Amino acid sequence: MQRGKADGKNVVLLAGGLGDYQHRRFFLLLRALHQSDVPRRHALLTTNRSSLSPALQTALVVSLVGIIFIGVYPQPLIEIVQRLVAR
């Protein structure tokens, strides 16, 4: 292999290393949050559904329905994108 020639293996190793780094950092963050003395009444740590505003609840439902629709029936979106690319 010539010096400076990329064969794809370096990219895979780099992506794997970055993924491993991200997983470790996320684990450390979760561990720190679990061990901290953050009050349970904090908005991010509560599981009470009423803590979400109606606008946020609506946005979450619309997003979920859109994701499920695109996942189950993607053909209309594919046709729209193909028409836009063909222009």
N, C-alpha and C. Protein backbone atom coordinates (compact mmCIF):
# COMPACT_ATOMS: atom_id res chain seq x y z
N MET A 1 0.84 -1.17 0.00
CA MET A 1 0.00 0.00 0.00
C MET A 1 0.89 1.24 0.00
N GLN A 2 0.57 2.18 -0.85
CA GLN A 2 1.35 3.40 -0.93
C GLN A 2 1.04 4.30 0.25
N ARG A 3 2.00 5.10 0.57
CA ARG A 3 1.81 6.03 1.68
C ARG A 3 0.75 7.07 1.29
N GLY A 4 -0.23 7.28 2.18
CA GLY A 4 -1.27 8.27 1.94
C GLY A 4 -2.46 7.74 1.17
N LYS A 5 -2.41 6.49 0.74
CA LYS A 5 -3.53 5.93 -0.02
C LYS A 5 -4.54 5.35 0.95
N ALA A 6 -5.78 5.79 0.86
CA ALA A 6 -6.84 5.31 1.75
C ALA A 6 -7.48 4.07 1.15
N ASP A 7 -7.60 3.03 1.93
CA ASP A 7 -8.23 1.81 1.45
C ASP A 7 -9.57 1.53 2.11
N GLY A 8 -10.03 2.42 2.94
CA GLY A 8 -11.32 2.25 3.59
C GLY A 8 -11.23 1.66 4.98
N LYS A 9 -10.16 0.93 5.27
CA LYS A 9 -10.03 0.32 6.59
C LYS A 9 -9.85 1.38 7.67
N ASN A 10 -9.12 2.44 7.33
CA ASN A 10 -8.90 3.51 8.30
C ASN A 10 -10.21 4.20 8.67
N VAL A 11 -11.08 4.37 7.68
CA VAL A 11 -12.37 5.01 7.92
C VAL A 11 -13.21 4.16 8.86
N VAL A 12 -13.21 2.86 8.63
CA VAL A 12 -13.99 1.95 9.48
C VAL A 12 -13.44 1.96 10.90
N LEU A 13 -12.11 1.93 11.03
CA LEU A 13 -11.51 1.97 12.36
C LEU A 13 -11.81 3.29 13.07
N LEU A 14 -11.75 4.39 12.33
CA LEU A 14 -12.05 5.70 12.91
C LEU A 14 -13.51 5.77 13.35
N ALA A 15 -14.42 5.29 12.52
CA ALA A 15 -15.85 5.31 12.87
C ALA A 15 -16.10 4.43 14.09
N GLY A 16 -15.48 3.28 14.15
CA GLY A 16 -15.64 2.41 15.31
C GLY A 16 -15.09 3.03 16.57
N GLY A 17 -13.94 3.68 16.45
CA GLY A 17 -13.35 4.35 17.60
C GLY A 17 -14.21 5.50 18.10
N LEU A 18 -14.74 6.29 17.17
CA LEU A 18 -15.62 7.39 17.57
C LEU A 18 -16.91 6.88 18.20
N GLY A 19 -17.46 5.81 17.65
CA GLY A 19 -18.66 5.23 18.23
C GLY A 19 -18.41 4.72 19.64
N ASP A 20 -17.28 4.07 19.82
CA ASP A 20 -16.91 3.57 21.15
C ASP A 20 -16.74 4.73 22.12
N TYR A 21 -16.10 5.80 21.67
CA TYR A 21 -15.90 6.98 22.51
C TYR A 21 -17.24 7.58 22.93
N GLN A 22 -18.17 7.70 21.97
CA GLN A 22 -19.48 8.27 22.28
C GLN A 22 -20.24 7.40 23.28
N HIS A 23 -20.18 6.09 23.10
CA HIS A 23 -20.87 5.20 24.03
C HIS A 23 -20.30 5.31 25.44
N ARG A 24 -19.00 5.39 25.54
CA ARG A 24 -18.37 5.53 26.86
C ARG A 24 -18.75 6.84 27.52
N ARG A 25 -18.75 7.94 26.76
CA ARG A 25 -19.11 9.24 27.32
C ARG A 25 -20.57 9.24 27.78
N PHE A 26 -21.46 8.62 26.99
CA PHE A 26 -22.87 8.56 27.36
C PHE A 26 -23.04 7.73 28.63
N PHE A 27 -22.33 6.62 28.74
CA PHE A 27 -22.39 5.80 29.94
C PHE A 27 -21.93 6.59 31.15
N LEU A 28 -20.83 7.33 31.01
CA LEU A 28 -20.33 8.13 32.12
C LEU A 28 -21.32 9.22 32.51
N LEU A 29 -22.00 9.81 31.53
CA LEU A 29 -23.01 10.82 31.82
C LEU A 29 -24.18 10.21 32.58
N LEU A 30 -24.65 9.05 32.13
CA LEU A 30 -25.76 8.39 32.83
C LEU A 30 -25.36 8.00 34.24
N ARG A 31 -24.15 7.50 34.41
CA ARG A 31 -23.68 7.13 35.74
C ARG A 31 -23.59 8.34 36.65
N ALA A 32 -23.10 9.46 36.12
CA ALA A 32 -22.99 10.68 36.91
C ALA A 32 -24.38 11.20 37.31
N LEU A 33 -25.33 11.13 36.39
CA LEU A 33 -26.68 11.57 36.71
C LEU A 33 -27.33 10.67 37.76
N HIS A 34 -27.08 9.38 37.64
CA HIS A 34 -27.66 8.44 38.59
C HIS A 34 -27.09 8.62 39.99
N GLN A 35 -25.81 8.93 40.08
CA GLN A 35 -25.16 9.05 41.38
C GLN A 35 -25.25 10.45 41.98
N SER A 36 -25.75 11.40 41.21
CA SER A 36 -25.79 12.78 41.72
C SER A 36 -26.97 12.97 42.66
N ASP A 37 -26.95 14.09 43.34
CA ASP A 37 -28.02 14.43 44.28
C ASP A 37 -29.02 15.39 43.66
N VAL A 38 -29.29 15.23 42.39
CA VAL A 38 -30.27 16.08 41.71
C VAL A 38 -31.65 15.78 42.28
N PRO A 39 -32.39 16.80 42.68
CA PRO A 39 -33.73 16.55 43.23
C PRO A 39 -34.63 15.86 42.22
N ARG A 40 -35.43 14.95 42.70
CA ARG A 40 -36.31 14.18 41.81
C ARG A 40 -37.43 15.03 41.23
N ARG A 41 -37.64 16.22 41.76
CA ARG A 41 -38.71 17.06 41.23
C ARG A 41 -38.26 17.80 39.97
N HIS A 42 -37.01 17.62 39.58
CA HIS A 42 -36.50 18.27 38.39
C HIS A 42 -37.31 17.82 37.17
N ALA A 43 -37.60 18.72 36.25
CA ALA A 43 -38.49 18.45 35.12
C ALA A 43 -38.00 17.31 34.24
N LEU A 44 -36.68 17.18 34.06
CA LEU A 44 -36.17 16.14 33.18
C LEU A 44 -36.22 14.76 33.82
N LEU A 45 -36.31 14.69 35.13
CA LEU A 45 -36.27 13.40 35.81
C LEU A 45 -37.64 12.87 36.20
N THR A 46 -38.67 13.66 36.00
CA THR A 46 -40.01 13.21 36.37
C THR A 46 -40.60 12.36 35.27
N THR A 47 -41.46 11.46 35.65
CA THR A 47 -42.16 10.64 34.67
C THR A 47 -43.62 11.02 34.57
N ASN A 48 -43.99 12.12 35.18
CA ASN A 48 -45.36 12.58 35.16
C ASN A 48 -45.69 13.15 33.78
N ARG A 49 -46.70 12.58 33.12
CA ARG A 49 -47.05 13.02 31.77
C ARG A 49 -47.59 14.45 31.76
N SER A 50 -48.16 14.91 32.85
CA SER A 50 -48.74 16.24 32.86
C SER A 50 -47.68 17.33 32.87
N SER A 51 -46.40 16.97 33.03
CA SER A 51 -45.36 17.98 33.03
C SER A 51 -45.04 18.48 31.63
N LEU A 52 -45.51 17.79 30.58
CA LEU A 52 -45.30 18.24 29.22
C LEU A 52 -46.41 19.21 28.82
N SER A 53 -46.02 20.27 28.15
CA SER A 53 -47.02 21.24 27.71
C SER A 53 -47.87 20.62 26.60
N PRO A 54 -49.08 21.13 26.40
CA PRO A 54 -49.93 20.60 25.32
C PRO A 54 -49.28 20.74 23.94
N ALA A 55 -48.55 21.84 23.72
CA ALA A 55 -47.88 22.02 22.43
C ALA A 55 -46.81 20.95 22.21
N LEU A 56 -46.06 20.65 23.26
CA LEU A 56 -45.03 19.62 23.15
C LEU A 56 -45.65 18.24 22.97
N GLN A 57 -46.73 17.96 23.66
CA GLN A 57 -47.43 16.68 23.49
C GLN A 57 -47.92 16.53 22.05
N THR A 58 -48.47 17.61 21.50
CA THR A 58 -48.96 17.58 20.12
C THR A 58 -47.80 17.35 19.15
N ALA A 59 -46.70 18.05 19.36
CA ALA A 59 -45.54 17.89 18.49
C ALA A 59 -45.00 16.47 18.54
N LEU A 60 -44.96 15.88 19.73
CA LEU A 60 -44.47 14.50 19.86
C LEU A 60 -45.39 13.52 19.15
N VAL A 61 -46.69 13.70 19.28
CA VAL A 61 -47.65 12.80 18.63
C VAL A 61 -47.55 12.93 17.11
N VAL A 62 -47.48 14.17 16.61
CA VAL A 62 -47.38 14.39 15.17
C VAL A 62 -46.08 13.78 14.64
N SER A 63 -44.99 13.95 15.36
CA SER A 63 -43.71 13.37 14.94
C SER A 63 -43.78 11.85 14.91
N LEU A 64 -44.36 11.27 15.94
CA LEU A 64 -44.47 9.81 16.00
C LEU A 64 -45.33 9.27 14.86
N VAL A 65 -46.45 9.92 14.59
CA VAL A 65 -47.32 9.48 13.49
C VAL A 65 -46.59 9.62 12.16
N GLY A 66 -45.86 10.72 11.97
CA GLY A 66 -45.11 10.90 10.73
C GLY A 66 -44.01 9.86 10.55
N ILE A 67 -43.31 9.55 11.61
CA ILE A 67 -42.25 8.54 11.54
C ILE A 67 -42.83 7.17 11.20
N ILE A 68 -43.92 6.82 11.84
CA ILE A 68 -44.54 5.52 11.57
C ILE A 68 -45.08 5.47 10.14
N PHE A 69 -45.72 6.56 9.67
CA PHE A 69 -46.26 6.59 8.31
C PHE A 69 -45.15 6.45 7.28
N ILE A 70 -44.06 7.21 7.44
CA ILE A 70 -42.95 7.13 6.49
C ILE A 70 -42.30 5.75 6.54
N GLY A 71 -42.24 5.15 7.72
CA GLY A 71 -41.64 3.83 7.84
C GLY A 71 -42.49 2.73 7.22
N VAL A 72 -43.81 2.85 7.33
CA VAL A 72 -44.71 1.82 6.80
C VAL A 72 -45.00 2.05 5.33
N TYR A 73 -45.19 3.30 4.93
CA TYR A 73 -45.61 3.61 3.56
C TYR A 73 -44.74 4.73 2.99
N PRO A 74 -43.49 4.44 2.60
CA PRO A 74 -42.57 5.49 2.16
C PRO A 74 -42.71 5.91 0.69
N GLN A 75 -43.52 5.20 -0.10
CA GLN A 75 -43.57 5.45 -1.54
C GLN A 75 -43.91 6.89 -1.92
N PRO A 76 -44.91 7.56 -1.29
CA PRO A 76 -45.17 8.96 -1.68
C PRO A 76 -43.97 9.88 -1.47
N LEU A 77 -43.25 9.71 -0.38
CA LEU A 77 -42.07 10.54 -0.13
C LEU A 77 -40.99 10.24 -1.16
N ILE A 78 -40.80 8.99 -1.51
CA ILE A 78 -39.79 8.62 -2.51
C ILE A 78 -40.13 9.24 -3.86
N GLU A 79 -41.42 9.21 -4.25
CA GLU A 79 -41.82 9.80 -5.52
C GLU A 79 -41.61 11.31 -5.54
N ILE A 80 -41.91 11.98 -4.44
CA ILE A 80 -41.70 13.43 -4.37
C ILE A 80 -40.22 13.76 -4.51
N VAL A 81 -39.37 13.02 -3.81
CA VAL A 81 -37.93 13.27 -3.89
C VAL A 81 -37.40 13.00 -5.29
N GLN A 82 -37.88 11.93 -5.93
CA GLN A 82 -37.43 11.62 -7.28
C GLN A 82 -37.85 12.71 -8.26
N ARG A 83 -39.07 13.26 -8.10
CA ARG A 83 -39.51 14.35 -8.97
C ARG A 83 -38.66 15.61 -8.74
N LEU A 84 -38.31 15.90 -7.51
CA LEU A 84 -37.51 17.08 -7.23
C LEU A 84 -36.09 16.93 -7.77
N VAL A 85 -35.54 15.73 -7.69
CA VAL A 85 -34.19 15.50 -8.18
C VAL A 85 -34.16 15.53 -9.71
N ALA A 86 -35.23 15.10 -10.36
CA ALA A 86 -35.28 15.05 -11.81
C ALA A 86 -35.34 16.45 -12.43
N ARG A 87 -35.73 17.45 -11.68
CA ARG A 87 -35.83 18.81 -12.22
C ARG A 87 -34.52 19.38 -12.59
